[in-house]
PDB file of all heavy atoms in Angstrom:
ATOM      1  N   ALA A   1     -42.935 -65.830 -20.094  1.00  0.00           N
ATOM      2  CA  ALA A   1     -43.613 -66.110 -18.820  1.00  0.00           C
ATOM      3  C   ALA A   1     -43.132 -67.436 -18.232  1.00  0.00           C
ATOM      4  O   ALA A   1     -42.972 -67.567 -17.009  1.00  0.00           O
ATOM      5  CB  ALA A   1     -45.122 -66.124 -19.023  1.00  0.00           C
ATOM      6  N   LYS A   2     -42.892 -68.433 -19.095  1.00  0.00           N
ATOM      7  CA  LYS A   2     -42.374 -69.721 -18.611  1.00  0.00           C
ATOM      8  C   LYS A   2     -41.026 -69.536 -17.936  1.00  0.00           C
ATOM      9  O   LYS A   2     -40.761 -70.102 -16.871  1.00  0.00           O
ATOM     10  CB  LYS A   2     -42.239 -70.707 -19.782  1.00  0.00           C
ATOM     11  CG  LYS A   2     -43.542 -71.277 -20.305  1.00  0.00           C
ATOM     12  CD  LYS A   2     -43.259 -72.275 -21.418  1.00  0.00           C
ATOM     13  CE  LYS A   2     -44.540 -72.829 -22.016  1.00  0.00           C
ATOM     14  NZ  LYS A   2     -44.261 -73.770 -23.136  1.00  0.00           N
ATOM     15  N   TRP A   3     -40.147 -68.772 -18.559  1.00  0.00           N
ATOM     16  CA  TRP A   3     -38.838 -68.514 -17.972  1.00  0.00           C
ATOM     17  C   TRP A   3     -38.982 -67.779 -16.648  1.00  0.00           C
ATOM     18  O   TRP A   3     -38.308 -68.114 -15.668  1.00  0.00           O
ATOM     19  CB  TRP A   3     -37.985 -67.696 -18.942  1.00  0.00           C
ATOM     20  CG  TRP A   3     -37.190 -68.531 -19.898  1.00  0.00           C
ATOM     21  CD1 TRP A   3     -37.648 -69.115 -21.044  1.00  0.00           C
ATOM     22  CD2 TRP A   3     -35.812 -68.884 -19.795  1.00  0.00           C
ATOM     23  NE1 TRP A   3     -36.644 -69.797 -21.669  1.00  0.00           N
ATOM     24  CE2 TRP A   3     -35.498 -69.664 -20.926  1.00  0.00           C
ATOM     25  CE3 TRP A   3     -34.813 -68.596 -18.882  1.00  0.00           C
ATOM     26  CZ2 TRP A   3     -34.221 -70.178 -21.153  1.00  0.00           C
ATOM     27  CZ3 TRP A   3     -33.531 -69.100 -19.098  1.00  0.00           C
ATOM     28  CH2 TRP A   3     -33.249 -69.886 -20.232  1.00  0.00           C
ATOM     29  N   HIS A   4     -39.838 -66.767 -16.616  1.00  0.00           N
ATOM     30  CA  HIS A   4     -40.039 -65.989 -15.396  1.00  0.00           C
ATOM     31  C   HIS A   4     -40.487 -66.889 -14.246  1.00  0.00           C
ATOM     32  O   HIS A   4     -39.936 -66.834 -13.138  1.00  0.00           O
ATOM     33  CB  HIS A   4     -41.086 -64.905 -15.657  1.00  0.00           C
ATOM     34  CG  HIS A   4     -41.435 -64.092 -14.451  1.00  0.00           C
ATOM     35  ND1 HIS A   4     -40.718 -62.977 -14.069  1.00  0.00           N
ATOM     36  CD2 HIS A   4     -42.412 -64.241 -13.528  1.00  0.00           C
ATOM     37  CE1 HIS A   4     -41.241 -62.478 -12.964  1.00  0.00           C
ATOM     38  NE2 HIS A   4     -42.275 -63.217 -12.622  1.00  0.00           N
ATOM     39  N   ASP A   5     -41.467 -67.726 -14.517  1.00  0.00           N
ATOM     40  CA  ASP A   5     -42.004 -68.603 -13.479  1.00  0.00           C
ATOM     41  C   ASP A   5     -40.979 -69.644 -13.039  1.00  0.00           C
ATOM     42  O   ASP A   5     -40.858 -69.951 -11.830  1.00  0.00           O
ATOM     43  CB  ASP A   5     -43.276 -69.299 -13.979  1.00  0.00           C
ATOM     44  CG  ASP A   5     -44.421 -68.316 -14.223  1.00  0.00           C
ATOM     45  OD1 ASP A   5     -44.341 -67.178 -13.718  1.00  0.00           O
ATOM     46  OD2 ASP A   5     -45.382 -68.689 -14.926  1.00  0.00           O
ATOM     47  N   THR A   6     -40.243 -70.188 -14.005  1.00  0.00           N
ATOM     48  CA  THR A   6     -39.241 -71.208 -13.682  1.00  0.00           C
ATOM     49  C   THR A   6     -38.109 -70.612 -12.856  1.00  0.00           C
ATOM     50  O   THR A   6     -37.639 -71.215 -11.880  1.00  0.00           O
ATOM     51  CB  THR A   6     -38.682 -71.837 -14.973  1.00  0.00           C
ATOM     52  OG1 THR A   6     -39.760 -72.341 -15.758  1.00  0.00           O
ATOM     53  CG2 THR A   6     -37.721 -72.975 -14.649  1.00  0.00           C
ATOM     54  N   TRP A   7     -37.667 -69.428 -13.244  1.00  0.00           N
ATOM     55  CA  TRP A   7     -36.599 -68.744 -12.498  1.00  0.00           C
ATOM     56  C   TRP A   7     -37.059 -68.467 -11.070  1.00  0.00           C
ATOM     57  O   TRP A   7     -36.327 -68.705 -10.108  1.00  0.00           O
ATOM     58  CB  TRP A   7     -36.217 -67.442 -13.206  1.00  0.00           C
ATOM     59  CG  TRP A   7     -34.950 -66.786 -12.706  1.00  0.00           C
ATOM     60  CD1 TRP A   7     -34.632 -66.492 -11.420  1.00  0.00           C
ATOM     61  CD2 TRP A   7     -33.839 -66.339 -13.495  1.00  0.00           C
ATOM     62  NE1 TRP A   7     -33.404 -65.873 -11.342  1.00  0.00           N
ATOM     63  CE2 TRP A   7     -32.888 -65.776 -12.597  1.00  0.00           C
ATOM     64  CE3 TRP A   7     -33.557 -66.344 -14.856  1.00  0.00           C
ATOM     65  CZ2 TRP A   7     -31.685 -65.218 -13.042  1.00  0.00           C
ATOM     66  CZ3 TRP A   7     -32.357 -65.795 -15.294  1.00  0.00           C
ATOM     67  CH2 TRP A   7     -31.440 -65.246 -14.397  1.00  0.00           C
ATOM     68  N   ASP A   8     -38.281 -67.970 -10.930  1.00  0.00           N
ATOM     69  CA  ASP A   8     -38.820 -67.704  -9.591  1.00  0.00           C
ATOM     70  C   ASP A   8     -38.856 -68.973  -8.746  1.00  0.00           C
ATOM     71  O   ASP A   8     -38.493 -68.971  -7.568  1.00  0.00           O
ATOM     72  CB  ASP A   8     -40.237 -67.126  -9.698  1.00  0.00           C
ATOM     73  CG  ASP A   8     -40.231 -65.613  -9.910  1.00  0.00           C
ATOM     74  OD1 ASP A   8     -39.151 -65.001  -9.815  1.00  0.00           O
ATOM     75  OD2 ASP A   8     -41.305 -65.054 -10.176  1.00  0.00           O
ATOM     76  N   ALA A   9     -39.317 -70.047  -9.353  1.00  0.00           N
ATOM     77  CA  ALA A   9     -39.445 -71.308  -8.621  1.00  0.00           C
ATOM     78  C   ALA A   9     -38.089 -71.826  -8.151  1.00  0.00           C
ATOM     79  O   ALA A   9     -37.968 -72.407  -7.067  1.00  0.00           O
ATOM     80  CB  ALA A   9     -40.138 -72.354  -9.498  1.00  0.00           C
ATOM     81  N   GLU A  10     -37.066 -71.614  -8.978  1.00  0.00           N
ATOM     82  CA  GLU A  10     -35.723 -72.101  -8.629  1.00  0.00           C
ATOM     83  C   GLU A  10     -34.995 -71.156  -7.675  1.00  0.00           C
ATOM     84  O   GLU A  10     -34.052 -71.551  -7.008  1.00  0.00           O
ATOM     85  CB  GLU A  10     -34.887 -72.287  -9.906  1.00  0.00           C
ATOM     86  CG  GLU A  10     -35.374 -73.406 -10.818  1.00  0.00           C
ATOM     87  CD  GLU A  10     -35.011 -74.775 -10.277  1.00  0.00           C
ATOM     88  OE1 GLU A  10     -34.268 -74.861  -9.269  1.00  0.00           O
ATOM     89  OE2 GLU A  10     -35.464 -75.776 -10.863  1.00  0.00           O
ATOM     90  N   GLY A  11     -35.392 -69.894  -7.657  1.00  0.00           N
ATOM     91  CA  GLY A  11     -34.765 -68.930  -6.756  1.00  0.00           C
ATOM     92  C   GLY A  11     -33.334 -68.587  -7.111  1.00  0.00           C
ATOM     93  O   GLY A  11     -32.501 -68.349  -6.231  1.00  0.00           O
ATOM     94  N   PHE A  12     -33.031 -68.543  -8.414  1.00  0.00           N
ATOM     95  CA  PHE A  12     -31.669 -68.248  -8.842  1.00  0.00           C
ATOM     96  C   PHE A  12     -31.328 -66.777  -8.653  1.00  0.00           C
ATOM     97  O   PHE A  12     -32.170 -65.889  -8.808  1.00  0.00           O
ATOM     98  CB  PHE A  12     -31.477 -68.591 -10.325  1.00  0.00           C
ATOM     99  CG  PHE A  12     -31.533 -70.061 -10.622  1.00  0.00           C
ATOM    100  CD1 PHE A  12     -32.330 -70.539 -11.659  1.00  0.00           C
ATOM    101  CD2 PHE A  12     -30.783 -70.969  -9.893  1.00  0.00           C
ATOM    102  CE1 PHE A  12     -32.381 -71.887 -11.950  1.00  0.00           C
ATOM    103  CE2 PHE A  12     -30.832 -72.332 -10.173  1.00  0.00           C
ATOM    104  CZ  PHE A  12     -31.633 -72.787 -11.206  1.00  0.00           C
ATOM    105  N   ASP A  13     -30.045 -66.531  -8.374  1.00  0.00           N
ATOM    106  CA  ASP A  13     -29.501 -65.181  -8.466  1.00  0.00           C
ATOM    107  C   ASP A  13     -28.954 -64.928  -9.868  1.00  0.00           C
ATOM    108  O   ASP A  13     -29.083 -63.823 -10.400  1.00  0.00           O
ATOM    109  CB  ASP A  13     -28.391 -64.985  -7.425  1.00  0.00           C
ATOM    110  CG  ASP A  13     -28.930 -64.995  -6.007  1.00  0.00           C
ATOM    111  OD1 ASP A  13     -29.601 -64.018  -5.632  1.00  0.00           O
ATOM    112  OD2 ASP A  13     -28.699 -65.990  -5.291  1.00  0.00           O
ATOM    113  N   PHE A  14     -28.330 -65.962 -10.447  1.00  0.00           N
ATOM    114  CA  PHE A  14     -27.746 -65.860 -11.784  1.00  0.00           C
ATOM    115  C   PHE A  14     -27.889 -67.191 -12.511  1.00  0.00           C
ATOM    116  O   PHE A  14     -28.040 -68.245 -11.885  1.00  0.00           O
ATOM    117  CB  PHE A  14     -26.243 -65.543 -11.713  1.00  0.00           C
ATOM    118  CG  PHE A  14     -25.895 -64.232 -11.094  1.00  0.00           C
ATOM    119  CD1 PHE A  14     -25.441 -64.173  -9.785  1.00  0.00           C
ATOM    120  CD2 PHE A  14     -25.989 -63.049 -11.820  1.00  0.00           C
ATOM    121  CE1 PHE A  14     -25.092 -62.967  -9.201  1.00  0.00           C
ATOM    122  CE2 PHE A  14     -25.648 -61.833 -11.244  1.00  0.00           C
ATOM    123  CZ  PHE A  14     -25.204 -61.791  -9.944  1.00  0.00           C
ATOM    124  N   LEU A  15     -27.763 -67.114 -13.832  1.00  0.00           N
ATOM    125  CA  LEU A  15     -27.577 -68.300 -14.655  1.00  0.00           C
ATOM    126  C   LEU A  15     -26.202 -68.232 -15.300  1.00  0.00           C
ATOM    127  O   LEU A  15     -25.690 -67.139 -15.588  1.00  0.00           O
ATOM    128  CB  LEU A  15     -28.647 -68.391 -15.749  1.00  0.00           C
ATOM    129  CG  LEU A  15     -30.079 -68.659 -15.308  1.00  0.00           C
ATOM    130  CD1 LEU A  15     -31.002 -68.705 -16.525  1.00  0.00           C
ATOM    131  CD2 LEU A  15     -30.180 -69.957 -14.525  1.00  0.00           C
ATOM    132  N   LEU A  16     -25.627 -69.385 -15.553  1.00  0.00           N
ATOM    133  CA  LEU A  16     -24.342 -69.497 -16.231  1.00  0.00           C
ATOM    134  C   LEU A  16     -24.492 -70.388 -17.454  1.00  0.00           C
ATOM    135  O   LEU A  16     -25.144 -71.435 -17.390  1.00  0.00           O
ATOM    136  CB  LEU A  16     -23.289 -70.102 -15.303  1.00  0.00           C
ATOM    137  CG  LEU A  16     -22.936 -69.334 -14.031  1.00  0.00           C
ATOM    138  CD1 LEU A  16     -22.068 -70.199 -13.130  1.00  0.00           C
ATOM    139  CD2 LEU A  16     -22.222 -68.051 -14.379  1.00  0.00           C
ATOM    140  N   THR A  17     -23.889 -69.988 -18.556  1.00  0.00           N
ATOM    141  CA  THR A  17     -23.837 -70.822 -19.760  1.00  0.00           C
ATOM    142  C   THR A  17     -22.524 -70.535 -20.482  1.00  0.00           C
ATOM    143  O   THR A  17     -21.822 -69.575 -20.164  1.00  0.00           O
ATOM    144  CB  THR A  17     -24.993 -70.523 -20.758  1.00  0.00           C
ATOM    145  OG1 THR A  17     -24.717 -69.294 -21.456  1.00  0.00           O
ATOM    146  CG2 THR A  17     -26.326 -70.417 -20.071  1.00  0.00           C
ATOM    147  N   VAL A  18     -22.233 -71.351 -21.481  1.00  0.00           N
ATOM    148  CA  VAL A  18     -21.189 -70.963 -22.432  1.00  0.00           C
ATOM    149  C   VAL A  18     -21.777 -69.859 -23.311  1.00  0.00           C
ATOM    150  O   VAL A  18     -22.989 -69.835 -23.547  1.00  0.00           O
ATOM    151  CB  VAL A  18     -20.737 -72.152 -23.301  1.00  0.00           C
ATOM    152  CG1 VAL A  18     -20.102 -73.224 -22.451  1.00  0.00           C
ATOM    153  CG2 VAL A  18     -21.896 -72.729 -24.122  1.00  0.00           C
ATOM    154  N   PRO A  19     -20.963 -68.952 -23.830  1.00  0.00           N
ATOM    155  CA  PRO A  19     -21.484 -67.979 -24.790  1.00  0.00           C
ATOM    156  C   PRO A  19     -21.751 -68.620 -26.146  1.00  0.00           C
ATOM    157  O   PRO A  19     -22.662 -68.232 -26.880  1.00  0.00           O
ATOM    158  CB  PRO A  19     -20.369 -66.928 -24.891  1.00  0.00           C
ATOM    159  CG  PRO A  19     -19.440 -67.219 -23.750  1.00  0.00           C
ATOM    160  CD  PRO A  19     -19.573 -68.680 -23.463  1.00  0.00           C
ATOM    161  N   HIS A  20     -20.947 -69.594 -26.473  1.00  0.00           N
ATOM    162  CA  HIS A  20     -21.013 -70.288 -27.764  1.00  0.00           C
ATOM    163  C   HIS A  20     -20.452 -71.675 -27.535  1.00  0.00           C
ATOM    164  O   HIS A  20     -19.633 -71.882 -26.637  1.00  0.00           O
ATOM    165  CB  HIS A  20     -20.185 -69.528 -28.809  1.00  0.00           C
ATOM    166  CG  HIS A  20     -20.414 -69.964 -30.225  1.00  0.00           C
ATOM    167  ND1 HIS A  20     -19.733 -71.016 -30.793  1.00  0.00           N
ATOM    168  CD2 HIS A  20     -21.250 -69.487 -31.191  1.00  0.00           C
ATOM    169  CE1 HIS A  20     -20.132 -71.166 -32.057  1.00  0.00           C
ATOM    170  NE2 HIS A  20     -21.057 -70.256 -32.319  1.00  0.00           N
ATOM    171  N   ALA A  21     -20.897 -72.628 -28.325  1.00  0.00           N
ATOM    172  CA  ALA A  21     -20.425 -73.998 -28.148  1.00  0.00           C
ATOM    173  C   ALA A  21     -18.958 -74.162 -28.516  1.00  0.00           C
ATOM    174  O   ALA A  21     -18.303 -75.110 -28.068  1.00  0.00           O
ATOM    175  CB  ALA A  21     -21.273 -74.951 -28.987  1.00  0.00           C
ATOM    176  N   LEU A  22     -18.423 -73.246 -29.322  1.00  0.00           N
ATOM    177  CA  LEU A  22     -17.053 -73.352 -29.820  1.00  0.00           C
ATOM    178  C   LEU A  22     -16.240 -72.130 -29.436  1.00  0.00           C
ATOM    179  O   LEU A  22     -16.793 -71.058 -29.177  1.00  0.00           O
ATOM    180  CB  LEU A  22     -17.055 -73.480 -31.350  1.00  0.00           C
ATOM    181  CG  LEU A  22     -17.895 -74.587 -31.986  1.00  0.00           C
ATOM    182  CD1 LEU A  22     -17.848 -74.453 -33.494  1.00  0.00           C
ATOM    183  CD2 LEU A  22     -17.409 -75.963 -31.558  1.00  0.00           C
ATOM    184  N   PRO A  23     -14.906 -72.249 -29.429  1.00  0.00           N
ATOM    185  CA  PRO A  23     -14.064 -71.049 -29.423  1.00  0.00           C
ATOM    186  C   PRO A  23     -14.204 -70.365 -30.787  1.00  0.00           C
ATOM    187  O   PRO A  23     -15.038 -70.755 -31.610  1.00  0.00           O
ATOM    188  CB  PRO A  23     -12.660 -71.610 -29.212  1.00  0.00           C
ATOM    189  CG  PRO A  23     -12.836 -73.060 -28.862  1.00  0.00           C
ATOM    190  CD  PRO A  23     -14.136 -73.489 -29.462  1.00  0.00           C
ATOM    191  N   ALA A  24     -13.386 -69.364 -31.039  1.00  0.00           N
ATOM    192  CA  ALA A  24     -13.400 -68.703 -32.348  1.00  0.00           C
ATOM    193  C   ALA A  24     -13.313 -69.744 -33.458  1.00  0.00           C
ATOM    194  O   ALA A  24     -12.531 -70.692 -33.377  1.00  0.00           O
ATOM    195  CB  ALA A  24     -12.239 -67.719 -32.449  1.00  0.00           C
ATOM    196  N   ILE A  25     -14.129 -69.572 -34.478  1.00  0.00           N
ATOM    197  CA  ILE A  25     -14.200 -70.563 -35.552  1.00  0.00           C
ATOM    198  C   ILE A  25     -13.246 -70.186 -36.691  1.00  0.00           C
ATOM    199  O   ILE A  25     -12.891 -69.017 -36.857  1.00  0.00           O
ATOM    200  CB  ILE A  25     -15.639 -70.705 -36.089  1.00  0.00           C
ATOM    201  CG1 ILE A  25     -16.125 -69.392 -36.702  1.00  0.00           C
ATOM    202  CG2 ILE A  25     -16.569 -71.166 -34.970  1.00  0.00           C
ATOM    203  CD1 ILE A  25     -17.486 -69.483 -37.381  1.00  0.00           C
ATOM    204  N   PRO A  26     -12.827 -71.170 -37.483  1.00  0.00           N
ATOM    205  CA  PRO A  26     -11.930 -70.857 -38.607  1.00  0.00           C
ATOM    206  C   PRO A  26     -12.613 -69.946 -39.622  1.00  0.00           C
ATOM    207  O   PRO A  26     -13.821 -70.039 -39.847  1.00  0.00           O
ATOM    208  CB  PRO A  26     -11.647 -72.238 -39.216  1.00  0.00           C
ATOM    209  CG  PRO A  26     -11.991 -73.227 -38.157  1.00  0.00           C
ATOM    210  CD  PRO A  26     -13.098 -72.617 -37.377  1.00  0.00           C
ATOM    211  N   ALA A  27     -11.839 -69.074 -40.217  1.00  0.00           N
ATOM    212  CA  ALA A  27     -12.376 -68.221 -41.278  1.00  0.00           C
ATOM    213  C   ALA A  27     -12.941 -69.096 -42.397  1.00  0.00           C
ATOM    214  O   ALA A  27     -12.354 -70.104 -42.771  1.00  0.00           O
ATOM    215  CB  ALA A  27     -11.279 -67.319 -41.828  1.00  0.00           C
ATOM    216  N   GLY A  28     -14.120 -68.733 -42.875  1.00  0.00           N
ATOM    217  CA  GLY A  28     -14.751 -69.478 -43.957  1.00  0.00           C
ATOM    218  C   GLY A  28     -15.580 -70.668 -43.529  1.00  0.00           C
ATOM    219  O   GLY A  28     -16.088 -71.403 -44.376  1.00  0.00           O
ATOM    220  N   SER A  29     -15.753 -70.840 -42.217  1.00  0.00           N
ATOM    221  CA  SER A  29     -16.485 -72.022 -41.733  1.00  0.00           C
ATOM    222  C   SER A  29     -17.888 -71.700 -41.226  1.00  0.00           C
ATOM    223  O   SER A  29     -18.565 -72.580 -40.706  1.00  0.00           O
ATOM    224  CB  SER A  29     -15.694 -72.709 -40.620  1.00  0.00           C
ATOM    225  OG  SER A  29     -15.637 -71.890 -39.457  1.00  0.00           O
TER     226      SER A  29
END
């Protein structure tokens, strides 16, 4: 509900983020 209300208040069409903080990680990490 917090997200819903915040999104409404901001009037966004979309949000953008990174999918992950890193590129592909080394095997075993």
